[in-house]
Protein backbone atom coordinates (compact mmCIF):
# COMPACT_ATOMS: atom_id res chain seq x y z
CA UNK A 1 0.00 0.00 0.00
CA UNK A 2 1.23 3.45 -0.81
CA UNK A 3 0.83 6.23 1.72
CA UNK A 4 2.34 9.65 1.58
CA UNK A 5 1.25 11.35 -1.61
CA UNK A 6 -0.46 14.67 -1.00
CA UNK A 7 -3.42 15.43 -3.25
CA UNK A 8 -4.60 18.51 -1.41
CA UNK A 9 -5.32 21.30 -3.89
CA UNK A 10 -3.84 24.07 -1.75
CA UNK A 11 -0.56 22.21 -1.27
CA UNK A 12 -0.82 22.20 2.53
CA UNK A 13 0.06 18.97 4.25
CA UNK A 14 -1.05 17.74 7.64
CA UNK A 15 1.89 16.85 9.83
CA UNK A 16 1.99 13.61 11.74
CA UNK A 17 4.87 12.86 14.05
CA UNK A 18 5.66 10.03 16.40
CA UNK A 19 6.80 6.43 16.42
CA UNK A 20 4.65 4.05 14.42
CA UNK A 21 4.81 0.31 13.92
CA UNK A 22 5.43 -0.51 10.27
CA UNK A 23 3.36 -3.11 8.48
CA UNK A 24 -0.25 -2.04 8.95
CA UNK A 25 -0.80 0.87 6.59
CA UNK A 26 -4.59 0.65 6.76
CA UNK A 27 -4.70 1.06 10.55
CA UNK A 28 -2.23 3.93 10.38
CA UNK A 29 -4.26 5.73 7.70
CA UNK A 30 -7.49 5.20 9.63
CA UNK A 31 -5.92 6.61 12.81
CA UNK A 32 -4.63 9.71 10.99
CA UNK A 33 -8.02 10.16 9.33
CA UNK A 34 -9.84 9.92 12.66
CA UNK A 35 -7.43 12.39 14.26
CA UNK A 36 -7.99 15.00 11.53
CA UNK A 37 -11.61 14.19 10.61
CA UNK A 38 -10.79 13.02 7.09
CA UNK A 39 -12.55 10.45 4.94
CA UNK A 40 -10.56 7.34 3.98
CA UNK A 41 -10.87 5.59 0.63
CA UNK A 42 -9.12 2.25 0.17
CA UNK A 43 -8.26 1.09 -3.33
CA UNK A 44 -6.43 -1.98 -4.56
CA UNK A 45 -2.94 -0.50 -4.26
CA UNK A 46 -3.34 2.66 -2.19
CA UNK A 47 -5.13 4.43 0.62
CA UNK A 48 -6.38 7.96 0.10
CA UNK A 49 -7.12 10.53 2.78
CA UNK A 50 -8.82 13.61 1.42
CA UNK A 51 -10.11 16.93 2.62
CA UNK A 52 -13.84 17.09 3.19
């Protein structure tokens, strides 16, 4: 799964810092989405977090 590409139209990125266990990209993306109130869309080879 690919995480990390920013698709926000204004170019601003949300910062996330800390220590995270590698290997469960879906859980990580869901946690970040919940923290920032973002919708999550899972596709075959990527996870997208987008602005509302």
